[in-house]
C-alpha cells in the first residue's frame, strides 16, 4: 500500500505539471494575451504597455519557465482586473465553493443512497420505479433550468428561501439542490445497479443459506460492496461540482470560484482565468488520489500493484 501510495503521488505531481504546461499553452491559443487583456478600444501603445508589463514580449519558453517557477511557489500572477494576486483571490473564494459543493454532495448522497438501496432491494415494486424515475430525471434535467425553476417556485412564489447571495443556511438550500440534482440521479442509478448485482452474488446466497439475518447480510456484504462503487463516482462528481458550478454560482450570485471565473472571462482577466483553471485541475487530481486511497480503507482485500 505504501509503495502504491508513493507511486500515485508521483503520478499526481506529474499530472499537475502536465496541466500547468497544457493550460499555459491553451490559453495562448485564444490569441495575443495582451490584446485579450486590454480594453476593446485600447490603443496599440496601451496594448504594448500591457505586453511589456506582464512579460508577454519575451520568448515563449522563457515565459513558461518563469510561470512554472512561480506556480511551484503558489504564485499564479497578479489579476489584471482586481489588481491582487490570483492565488489570494482564489483562496478567498474557495470556502464558498467548498461549502456549496459539500452541501450539494451531502444532499445527493443522503437522498440517493437509501433510494437506490430500496429500489435495488425491491425490483419491480413502486419503490424501484421511483428510484429509476429519479435517476432518469436527475441525469436529464439541466441544472441551470432547475436552478431557475427553484428560484421561481421557492423564492419568488413561496418566499421560503432567498434567491441569491450567501447569507446563512437558508441561502444554501436552493443552489445546493440545483447543483446536487445531477449527481443524485447518477448515485441512485449506480446504487440500485450495484445492489441488484451484489444480491445475486454467490456469497450472498451462501450467507442466506447459513441463516444470517437480512440486516446482517446487508451490513456486512451488500452495503460494503456497494460503497466501493460509490466511492469512485463520488470522488469524480465532487471534483465536477468544484469546477463545474459556474452556472449555479452565477445564477444564485454565490461568491465562489465558479462565479469568479465567469467574472474573469467577462473582464478579460487572462491571468486569473489561467490561475483558476490550474487550481481547479490540481484540486481534482488531489481528490482522485484520495479516492484511490479510500478503496483500501473500505475494503482491505483490495491490493494494488504498481
Protein backbone atom coordinates (compact mmCIF):
# COMPACT_ATOMS: atom_id res chain seq x y z
CA UNK A 1 0.00 0.00 0.00
CA UNK A 2 2.82 2.41 0.82
CA UNK A 3 4.57 1.72 -2.48
CA UNK A 4 1.33 2.22 -4.35
CA UNK A 5 0.62 5.46 -2.50
CA UNK A 6 4.11 6.75 -3.30
CA UNK A 7 3.72 5.91 -6.98
CA UNK A 8 0.29 7.57 -7.11
CA UNK A 9 1.68 10.74 -5.51
CA UNK A 10 4.44 10.86 -8.13
CA UNK A 11 1.88 10.31 -10.90
CA UNK A 12 -0.32 13.05 -9.48
CA UNK A 13 2.58 15.50 -9.35
CA UNK A 14 3.47 14.66 -12.94
CA UNK A 15 -0.16 15.15 -13.95
CA UNK A 16 -0.33 18.54 -12.24
CA UNK A 17 2.86 19.55 -14.07
CA UNK A 18 1.26 18.47 -17.33
CA UNK A 19 -1.83 20.52 -16.51
CA UNK A 20 0.31 23.59 -15.84
CA UNK A 21 2.02 23.28 -19.20
CA UNK A 22 -1.22 22.48 -21.04
CA UNK A 23 -3.13 25.41 -19.55
CA UNK A 24 -0.20 27.73 -20.26
CA UNK A 25 -0.30 26.94 -23.98
CA UNK A 26 -4.08 26.54 -24.35
CA UNK A 27 -4.90 30.00 -23.04
CA UNK A 28 -2.41 31.45 -25.51
CA UNK A 29 -4.09 29.70 -28.42
CA UNK A 30 -7.03 32.08 -27.98
CA UNK A 31 -4.89 34.97 -29.25
CA UNK A 32 -2.46 37.60 -28.10
CA UNK A 33 -2.69 37.71 -24.24
CA UNK A 34 -2.00 41.43 -24.18
CA UNK A 35 -4.76 42.11 -26.71
CA UNK A 36 -7.18 39.89 -24.76
CA UNK A 37 -6.46 41.68 -21.50
CA UNK A 38 -6.65 45.18 -22.95
CA UNK A 39 -9.96 47.03 -23.34
CA UNK A 40 -11.58 46.71 -26.75
CA UNK A 41 -10.84 50.33 -27.59
CA UNK A 42 -7.25 50.25 -26.29
CA UNK A 43 -4.63 51.94 -28.42
CA UNK A 44 -1.65 50.00 -29.81
CA UNK A 45 0.55 51.80 -27.32
CA UNK A 46 -1.59 50.58 -24.41
CA UNK A 47 -1.51 47.03 -25.73
CA UNK A 48 2.25 47.17 -25.99
CA UNK A 49 2.46 48.53 -22.46
CA UNK A 50 0.44 45.57 -21.15
CA UNK A 51 2.62 43.18 -23.15
CA UNK A 52 5.77 44.55 -21.54
CA UNK A 53 4.20 44.81 -18.06
CA UNK A 54 3.27 41.11 -17.93
CA UNK A 55 6.30 39.84 -19.87
CA UNK A 56 4.39 38.65 -22.93
CA UNK A 57 7.05 40.17 -25.17
CA UNK A 58 9.66 37.63 -24.04
CA UNK A 59 10.31 34.25 -25.73
CA UNK A 60 7.61 31.68 -25.01
CA UNK A 61 9.94 29.20 -23.32
CA UNK A 62 11.22 31.93 -21.01
CA UNK A 63 7.63 32.74 -20.08
CA UNK A 64 6.89 29.04 -19.46
CA UNK A 65 9.95 28.55 -17.25
CA UNK A 66 9.11 31.61 -15.19
CA UNK A 67 5.45 30.59 -14.94
CA UNK A 68 6.32 27.09 -13.69
CA UNK A 69 8.79 28.50 -11.21
CA UNK A 70 6.24 30.90 -9.76
CA UNK A 71 3.44 28.31 -9.80
CA UNK A 72 5.61 25.94 -7.74
CA UNK A 73 5.58 28.63 -5.05
CA UNK A 74 1.82 29.15 -5.35
CA UNK A 75 2.17 32.36 -7.36
CA UNK A 76 -0.15 32.45 -10.41
CA UNK A 77 0.41 36.10 -11.21
CA UNK A 78 -1.50 39.30 -10.48
CA UNK A 79 -5.08 39.73 -11.59
CA UNK A 80 -5.41 42.42 -14.23
CA UNK A 81 -8.91 43.40 -13.12
CA UNK A 82 -8.71 43.08 -9.33
CA UNK A 83 -5.09 44.25 -9.02
CA UNK A 84 -4.40 41.48 -6.49
CA UNK A 85 -2.52 38.15 -6.56
CA UNK A 86 -4.60 35.49 -8.33
CA UNK A 87 -3.76 32.88 -5.69
CA UNK A 88 -5.11 35.12 -2.89
CA UNK A 89 -8.33 35.76 -4.82
CA UNK A 90 -8.81 32.03 -5.40
CA UNK A 91 -8.19 31.16 -1.74
CA UNK A 92 -10.64 33.88 -0.68
CA UNK A 93 -13.42 32.41 -2.83
CA UNK A 94 -12.58 28.76 -2.12
CA UNK A 95 -14.54 28.41 1.18
CA UNK A 96 -17.80 29.43 -0.51
CA UNK A 97 -17.30 26.91 -3.33
CA UNK A 98 -16.35 24.14 -0.90
CA UNK A 99 -19.40 24.90 1.24
CA UNK A 100 -21.71 24.70 -1.77
CA UNK A 101 -20.07 21.56 -3.19
CA UNK A 102 -20.15 19.73 0.15
CA UNK A 103 -23.79 20.68 0.73
CA UNK A 104 -24.73 19.52 -2.77
CA UNK A 105 -22.81 16.28 -2.31
CA UNK A 106 -24.44 15.64 1.07
CA UNK A 107 -27.88 16.25 -0.41
CA UNK A 108 -27.18 13.87 -3.30
CA UNK A 109 -25.78 11.08 -1.12
CA UNK A 110 -28.40 11.31 1.65
CA UNK A 111 -31.27 11.10 -0.84
CA UNK A 112 -29.77 8.81 -3.48
CA UNK A 113 -28.18 6.02 -1.43
CA UNK A 114 -31.28 5.00 0.58
CA UNK A 115 -33.46 5.35 -2.51
CA UNK A 116 -31.09 3.28 -4.62
CA UNK A 117 -30.81 0.58 -1.95
CA UNK A 118 -34.58 0.36 -1.54
CA UNK A 119 -35.07 0.22 -5.30
CA UNK A 120 -32.38 -2.42 -5.81
CA UNK A 121 -33.65 -4.50 -2.89
CA UNK A 122 -37.23 -4.50 -4.20
CA UNK A 123 -37.04 -4.78 -8.00
CA UNK A 124 -40.27 -4.30 -9.86
CA UNK A 125 -42.02 -2.50 -7.00
CA UNK A 126 -43.24 1.08 -6.70
CA UNK A 127 -40.05 1.99 -4.82
CA UNK A 128 -37.95 0.59 -7.66
CA UNK A 129 -39.95 2.59 -10.19
CA UNK A 130 -39.45 5.72 -8.09
CA UNK A 131 -35.70 5.10 -7.90
CA UNK A 132 -35.41 4.62 -11.65
CA UNK A 133 -37.54 7.70 -12.28
CA UNK A 134 -35.45 9.90 -10.00
CA UNK A 135 -32.27 8.57 -11.59
CA UNK A 136 -33.55 9.34 -15.09
CA UNK A 137 -34.84 12.81 -14.25
CA UNK A 138 -31.70 13.70 -12.32
CA UNK A 139 -29.47 12.99 -15.32
CA UNK A 140 -31.66 14.65 -17.94
CA UNK A 141 -32.77 17.93 -16.34
CA UNK A 142 -30.24 20.76 -16.98
CA UNK A 143 -29.06 22.20 -13.68
CA UNK A 144 -29.34 25.82 -14.83
CA UNK A 145 -33.00 25.29 -15.80
CA UNK A 146 -33.65 23.59 -12.48
CA UNK A 147 -31.99 26.50 -10.68
CA UNK A 148 -34.30 28.99 -12.37
CA UNK A 149 -37.38 26.88 -11.56
CA UNK A 150 -36.34 26.60 -7.92
CA UNK A 151 -35.98 30.37 -7.72
CA UNK A 152 -39.37 30.97 -9.31
CA UNK A 153 -41.21 28.47 -7.10
CA UNK A 154 -39.45 28.55 -3.73
CA UNK A 155 -38.00 32.07 -3.69
CA UNK A 156 -40.43 34.20 -5.71
CA UNK A 157 -43.80 32.45 -5.32
CA UNK A 158 -43.49 30.84 -1.89
CA UNK A 159 -40.78 33.04 -0.39
CA UNK A 160 -39.27 30.19 1.59
CA UNK A 161 -35.64 30.77 0.61
CA UNK A 162 -33.58 33.72 -0.63
CA UNK A 163 -32.94 33.78 -4.35
CA UNK A 164 -29.33 34.94 -4.29
CA UNK A 165 -26.33 35.61 -2.09
CA UNK A 166 -24.58 33.73 0.70
CA UNK A 167 -26.28 34.68 3.93
CA UNK A 168 -26.83 31.79 6.30
CA UNK A 169 -28.00 28.19 5.86
CA UNK A 170 -31.28 29.12 4.12
CA UNK A 171 -29.40 30.71 1.23
CA UNK A 172 -27.52 27.45 0.71
CA UNK A 173 -30.57 25.24 0.13
CA UNK A 174 -31.59 26.16 -3.43
CA UNK A 175 -28.10 26.26 -5.01
CA UNK A 176 -27.15 23.00 -3.25
CA UNK A 177 -30.26 21.24 -4.60
CA UNK A 178 -29.68 22.61 -8.11
CA UNK A 179 -26.02 21.59 -8.12
CA UNK A 180 -26.55 18.22 -6.47
CA UNK A 181 -29.51 17.03 -8.55
CA UNK A 182 -27.44 15.63 -11.42
CA UNK A 183 -25.09 13.64 -9.12
CA UNK A 184 -28.18 12.47 -7.22
CA UNK A 185 -29.55 10.85 -10.36
CA UNK A 186 -26.25 9.16 -11.07
CA UNK A 187 -25.86 7.93 -7.49
CA UNK A 188 -29.37 6.45 -7.48
CA UNK A 189 -28.78 4.51 -10.68
CA UNK A 190 -25.36 3.22 -9.62
CA UNK A 191 -26.54 2.25 -6.13
CA UNK A 192 -29.56 0.42 -7.49
CA UNK A 193 -27.47 -1.43 -10.09
CA UNK A 194 -24.81 -2.35 -7.52
CA UNK A 195 -27.40 -3.70 -5.07
CA UNK A 196 -29.04 -5.79 -7.80
CA UNK A 197 -25.66 -7.22 -8.78
CA UNK A 198 -24.47 -7.96 -5.25
CA UNK A 199 -27.79 -9.52 -4.19
CA UNK A 200 -27.36 -12.21 -6.84
CA UNK A 201 -23.74 -13.00 -5.90
CA UNK A 202 -22.86 -16.49 -4.66
CA UNK A 203 -21.54 -15.33 -1.30
CA UNK A 204 -24.81 -13.52 -0.55
CA UNK A 205 -26.84 -16.64 -1.33
CA UNK A 206 -24.44 -18.62 0.87
CA UNK A 207 -24.98 -16.13 3.71
CA UNK A 208 -28.74 -16.57 3.42
CA UNK A 209 -28.36 -20.36 3.42
CA UNK A 210 -26.39 -20.14 6.68
CA UNK A 211 -29.36 -18.49 8.32
CA UNK A 212 -27.91 -14.98 8.68
CA UNK A 213 -30.49 -12.25 9.08
CA UNK A 214 -31.19 -9.85 6.24
CA UNK A 215 -29.90 -6.96 8.35
CA UNK A 216 -26.51 -8.60 8.92
CA UNK A 217 -26.19 -9.62 5.26
CA UNK A 218 -26.87 -6.06 4.11
CA UNK A 219 -24.48 -4.51 6.63
CA UNK A 220 -21.60 -6.96 6.15
CA UNK A 221 -21.85 -7.77 2.47
CA UNK A 222 -24.17 -5.66 0.36
CA UNK A 223 -23.58 -2.19 1.84
CA UNK A 224 -19.83 -2.60 1.93
CA UNK A 225 -19.57 -3.74 -1.68
CA UNK A 226 -21.95 -1.02 -2.84
CA UNK A 227 -19.85 1.61 -1.06
CA UNK A 228 -16.80 0.65 -3.15
CA UNK A 229 -18.72 1.52 -6.30
CA UNK A 230 -19.95 4.77 -4.82
CA UNK A 231 -16.55 6.00 -3.64
CA UNK A 232 -15.17 6.29 -7.16
CA UNK A 233 -18.15 8.15 -8.57
CA UNK A 234 -18.45 10.40 -5.51
CA UNK A 235 -14.84 11.49 -5.99
CA UNK A 236 -15.44 12.26 -9.66
CA UNK A 237 -18.67 14.15 -9.01
CA UNK A 238 -17.17 16.17 -6.15
CA UNK A 239 -14.43 17.32 -8.49
CA UNK A 240 -17.07 18.19 -11.08
CA UNK A 241 -19.04 20.22 -8.54
CA UNK A 242 -15.95 22.17 -7.53
CA UNK A 243 -15.02 23.04 -11.10
CA UNK A 244 -18.39 22.93 -12.84
CA UNK A 245 -20.51 25.17 -10.64
CA UNK A 246 -20.11 28.24 -12.88
CA UNK A 247 -23.77 28.44 -13.91
CA UNK A 248 -25.16 27.73 -10.45
CA UNK A 249 -22.93 30.23 -8.68
CA UNK A 250 -23.67 32.87 -11.31
CA UNK A 251 -27.45 32.32 -11.16
CA UNK A 252 -27.57 32.47 -7.36
CA UNK A 253 -24.85 35.16 -7.08
CA UNK A 254 -22.88 32.74 -4.92
CA UNK A 255 -19.43 34.25 -4.17
CA UNK A 256 -17.35 31.22 -5.12
CA UNK A 257 -14.71 30.24 -7.65
CA UNK A 258 -17.28 29.37 -10.33
CA UNK A 259 -18.74 32.86 -10.28
CA UNK A 260 -15.28 34.38 -10.17
CA UNK A 261 -14.12 32.60 -13.33
CA UNK A 262 -17.25 33.84 -15.08
CA UNK A 263 -16.42 37.37 -13.99
CA UNK A 264 -12.79 36.89 -15.02
CA UNK A 265 -13.81 35.85 -18.54
CA UNK A 266 -16.17 38.83 -18.84
CA UNK A 267 -13.46 41.17 -17.56
CA UNK A 268 -10.88 39.62 -19.92
CA UNK A 269 -8.72 38.81 -16.91
CA UNK A 270 -6.26 36.46 -18.61
CA UNK A 271 -4.09 35.86 -15.54
CA UNK A 272 -6.99 35.00 -13.22
CA UNK A 273 -8.60 32.61 -15.73
CA UNK A 274 -5.30 30.78 -16.08
CA UNK A 275 -4.84 30.54 -12.30
CA UNK A 276 -8.37 29.23 -11.68
CA UNK A 277 -8.01 26.62 -14.43
CA UNK A 278 -4.77 25.29 -12.95
CA UNK A 279 -6.07 25.40 -9.38
CA UNK A 280 -9.28 23.56 -10.27
CA UNK A 281 -7.43 20.88 -12.20
CA UNK A 282 -4.96 20.39 -9.36
CA UNK A 283 -7.81 20.08 -6.86
CA UNK A 284 -9.44 17.37 -8.98
CA UNK A 285 -6.15 15.46 -9.18
CA UNK A 286 -5.81 15.53 -5.38
CA UNK A 287 -9.40 14.34 -4.95
CA UNK A 288 -8.78 11.42 -7.31
CA UNK A 289 -5.68 10.48 -5.33
CA UNK A 290 -7.68 10.47 -2.09
CA UNK A 291 -10.39 8.41 -3.80
CA UNK A 292 -7.87 5.74 -4.82
CA UNK A 293 -6.56 5.53 -1.26
CA UNK A 294 -10.11 5.25 0.08
CA UNK A 295 -10.60 1.96 -1.77
CA UNK A 296 -8.15 0.17 0.51
CA UNK A 297 -9.69 1.71 3.61
CA UNK A 298 -13.16 0.48 2.66
CA UNK A 299 -12.11 -3.00 1.56
CA UNK A 300 -8.76 -4.29 2.90
CA UNK A 301 -8.90 -7.18 0.41
CA UNK A 302 -8.01 -4.80 -2.37
CA UNK A 303 -4.31 -4.87 -3.22
CA UNK A 304 -2.76 -2.50 -5.65
CA UNK A 305 0.11 -3.36 -7.92
CA UNK A 306 2.44 -0.84 -9.44
